[in-house]
Amino acid sequence: LFFFFLFVCSFHGITGHNIVHETCKKCAQNDPNISHNFCVTSLQADAKSQCANLGELGMISMKLTRENVTKTRSYIKDLLKKKKLDPFMRACLHDCFDLYSDAVPTLKQAMKDYKAKQYEDANIGVSSVVDACTTCEDGFKENQGAVSPLTKRNYDAFQLSVISLSIINMLK
């Protein structure tokens, strides 16, 4: 039985590799904000993607988003501990901290909705994370010359969120 399971998973791993590429290809075709390479690299970072179907890839992408948002929140918290931050930068970081703090429970609920196949509700929750990333990054642009220390993290959270949204929309 073990060898049968191993054989099936190995065979499915071949198609699993293809489903990641095909899913990312569709995601990138459906949304110009999605980088195909980022999508493939992100989903393949989770070993479970090799034996996943589309629904499981959606959950993987949401988990990756949650991990990213949680780590970004911690990173912002560490940045706020620095004494020498100008008031504008500190205010922007506080706003971003609040946005990311709200995004964590929102994603947890979106994942519950997704598991329950309540795709509209999951879509709304993940969409709010997209808004949070964008709002955070845009806040730094309000002061000419200010440079966001979160650009890469905001971009990654944005990408992971829109990948999740794209998969949710495929399942609807």
Protein backbone atom coordinates (compact mmCIF):
# COMPACT_ATOMS: atom_id res chain seq x y z
CA LEU A 1 0.00 0.00 0.00
CA PHE A 2 2.85 2.39 0.85
CA PHE A 3 4.53 1.76 -2.50
CA PHE A 4 1.24 2.23 -4.32
CA PHE A 5 0.76 5.61 -2.60
CA LEU A 6 4.36 6.56 -3.37
CA PHE A 7 3.86 5.60 -7.02
CA VAL A 8 0.60 7.55 -7.30
CA CYS A 9 2.10 10.61 -5.65
CA SER A 10 5.19 10.37 -7.85
CA PHE A 11 3.01 10.15 -10.94
CA HIS A 12 0.81 12.95 -9.65
CA GLY A 13 3.98 14.93 -8.91
CA ILE A 14 4.69 14.99 -12.62
CA THR A 15 1.25 16.39 -13.32
CA GLY A 16 1.53 18.51 -10.17
CA HIS A 17 4.55 20.22 -11.67
CA ASN A 18 2.47 20.90 -14.76
CA ILE A 19 -0.53 22.15 -12.79
CA VAL A 20 1.64 24.76 -11.07
CA HIS A 21 2.93 26.00 -14.43
CA GLU A 22 -0.50 25.83 -16.07
CA THR A 23 -2.19 27.56 -13.15
CA CYS A 24 0.42 30.31 -13.11
CA LYS A 25 0.14 30.67 -16.87
CA LYS A 26 -3.63 31.17 -16.56
CA CYS A 27 -3.19 33.53 -13.63
CA ALA A 28 -0.72 35.67 -15.58
CA GLN A 29 -2.96 35.66 -18.66
CA ASN A 30 -6.02 36.68 -16.63
CA ASP A 31 -4.28 39.40 -14.61
CA PRO A 32 -1.47 41.59 -15.94
CA ASN A 33 -0.38 42.24 -12.33
CA ILE A 34 0.77 38.64 -11.92
CA SER A 35 4.30 37.61 -12.76
CA HIS A 36 4.36 34.05 -14.10
CA ASN A 37 7.85 33.43 -12.70
CA PHE A 38 6.94 34.80 -9.27
CA CYS A 39 3.84 32.59 -9.23
CA VAL A 40 5.72 29.42 -10.16
CA THR A 41 8.58 30.08 -7.76
CA SER A 42 6.20 30.89 -4.90
CA LEU A 43 3.90 27.90 -5.33
CA GLN A 44 6.76 25.47 -5.85
CA ALA A 45 8.34 26.66 -2.60
CA ASP A 46 5.68 24.56 -0.88
CA ALA A 47 6.48 20.88 -1.43
CA LYS A 48 2.75 20.06 -1.27
CA SER A 49 2.23 21.86 -4.57
CA GLN A 50 3.78 18.89 -6.36
CA CYS A 51 0.79 16.69 -5.45
CA ALA A 52 -1.84 19.44 -5.42
CA ASN A 53 -4.95 20.10 -7.44
CA LEU A 54 -6.23 23.58 -8.25
CA GLY A 55 -8.18 23.91 -5.00
CA GLU A 56 -5.16 22.90 -2.97
CA LEU A 57 -2.97 25.36 -4.88
CA GLY A 58 -5.41 28.08 -3.88
CA MET A 59 -4.99 27.18 -0.22
CA ILE A 60 -1.22 27.03 -0.63
CA SER A 61 -1.21 30.52 -2.14
CA MET A 62 -3.35 31.84 0.71
CA LYS A 63 -1.03 30.27 3.30
CA LEU A 64 1.97 31.83 1.56
CA THR A 65 0.18 35.18 1.64
CA ARG A 66 -0.57 34.81 5.34
CA GLU A 67 3.06 33.93 6.10
CA ASN A 68 4.25 36.92 4.10
CA VAL A 69 1.82 39.32 5.76
CA THR A 70 2.71 38.02 9.23
CA LYS A 71 6.46 38.36 8.59
CA THR A 72 5.99 41.83 7.08
CA ARG A 73 4.05 42.92 10.15
CA SER A 74 6.93 41.74 12.37
CA TYR A 75 9.45 43.50 10.14
CA ILE A 76 7.51 46.76 10.43
CA LYS A 77 7.36 46.33 14.20
CA ASP A 78 11.16 46.04 14.26
CA LEU A 79 11.55 49.13 12.06
CA LEU A 80 9.35 51.12 14.45
CA LYS A 81 11.77 50.34 17.31
CA LYS A 82 14.42 52.50 15.67
CA LYS A 83 14.87 55.78 17.49
CA LYS A 84 16.03 57.82 14.52
CA LEU A 85 13.00 57.82 12.25
CA ASP A 86 11.66 61.06 10.89
CA PRO A 87 8.02 61.76 11.83
CA PHE A 88 6.69 61.15 8.30
CA MET A 89 8.41 57.77 8.02
CA ARG A 90 7.25 56.78 11.50
CA ALA A 91 3.65 57.75 10.64
CA CYS A 92 3.77 55.74 7.41
CA LEU A 93 5.17 52.70 9.21
CA HIS A 94 2.46 52.97 11.87
CA ASP A 95 -0.19 53.06 9.14
CA CYS A 96 1.38 50.04 7.45
CA PHE A 97 1.60 48.21 10.77
CA ASP A 98 -2.12 48.79 11.32
CA LEU A 99 -2.95 47.67 7.77
CA TYR A 100 -0.90 44.48 8.08
CA SER A 101 -2.24 43.84 11.59
CA ASP A 102 -5.77 43.92 10.19
CA ALA A 103 -4.76 41.73 7.24
CA VAL A 104 -3.71 38.76 9.40
CA PRO A 105 -7.15 37.93 10.88
CA THR A 106 -8.79 38.90 7.59
CA LEU A 107 -6.70 36.26 5.80
CA LYS A 108 -7.46 33.66 8.45
CA GLN A 109 -11.17 34.25 7.89
CA ALA A 110 -10.72 34.23 4.11
CA MET A 111 -9.01 30.84 4.41
CA LYS A 112 -11.96 29.50 6.42
CA ASP A 113 -14.34 30.86 3.78
CA TYR A 114 -12.22 29.28 1.05
CA LYS A 115 -12.28 25.88 2.78
CA ALA A 116 -16.07 26.19 3.04
CA LYS A 117 -16.18 26.98 -0.69
CA GLN A 118 -17.58 30.42 0.07
CA TYR A 119 -15.48 31.90 -2.68
CA GLU A 120 -17.15 35.32 -2.78
CA ASP A 121 -16.38 35.89 0.90
CA ALA A 122 -12.83 34.60 0.46
CA ASN A 123 -12.44 36.94 -2.52
CA ILE A 124 -13.53 39.93 -0.44
CA GLY A 125 -11.07 39.07 2.35
CA VAL A 126 -8.10 38.56 0.03
CA SER A 127 -9.03 41.72 -1.92
CA SER A 128 -8.70 43.71 1.29
CA VAL A 129 -5.13 42.43 1.62
CA VAL A 130 -4.39 43.70 -1.90
CA ASP A 131 -5.75 47.07 -0.80
CA ALA A 132 -3.63 46.99 2.36
CA CYS A 133 -0.39 46.42 0.42
CA THR A 134 -1.20 49.14 -2.07
CA THR A 135 -2.33 51.61 0.59
CA CYS A 136 0.82 50.99 2.61
CA GLU A 137 3.10 51.60 -0.36
CA ASP A 138 1.13 54.62 -1.55
CA GLY A 139 1.46 56.26 1.87
CA PHE A 140 5.20 56.71 1.36
CA LYS A 141 4.59 58.44 -1.97
CA GLU A 142 2.71 61.27 -0.27
CA ASN A 143 6.02 62.91 0.64
CA GLN A 144 8.25 63.59 -2.33
CA GLY A 145 11.63 62.05 -1.74
CA ALA A 146 10.46 59.52 0.83
CA VAL A 147 11.58 55.97 0.09
CA SER A 148 9.50 53.07 1.30
CA PRO A 149 11.50 50.44 3.17
CA LEU A 150 8.66 48.03 2.41
CA THR A 151 8.48 48.15 -1.39
CA LYS A 152 9.67 44.56 -1.97
CA ARG A 153 7.56 43.18 0.88
CA ASN A 154 4.48 45.09 -0.30
CA TYR A 155 5.07 43.84 -3.84
CA ASP A 156 5.42 40.23 -2.68
CA ALA A 157 2.27 40.42 -0.54
CA PHE A 158 0.44 42.03 -3.45
CA GLN A 159 1.60 39.32 -5.89
CA LEU A 160 0.69 36.48 -3.54
CA SER A 161 -2.72 38.02 -2.91
CA VAL A 162 -3.55 38.47 -6.59
CA ILE A 163 -2.44 34.90 -7.29
CA SER A 164 -4.88 33.75 -4.59
CA LEU A 165 -7.61 35.90 -6.10
CA SER A 166 -6.96 34.53 -9.54
CA ILE A 167 -7.23 30.94 -8.32
CA ILE A 168 -10.39 31.75 -6.35
CA ASN A 169 -11.89 33.19 -9.53
CA MET A 170 -10.96 30.03 -11.47
CA LEU A 171 -12.85 27.95 -8.90
CA LYS A 172 -16.01 30.05 -8.89
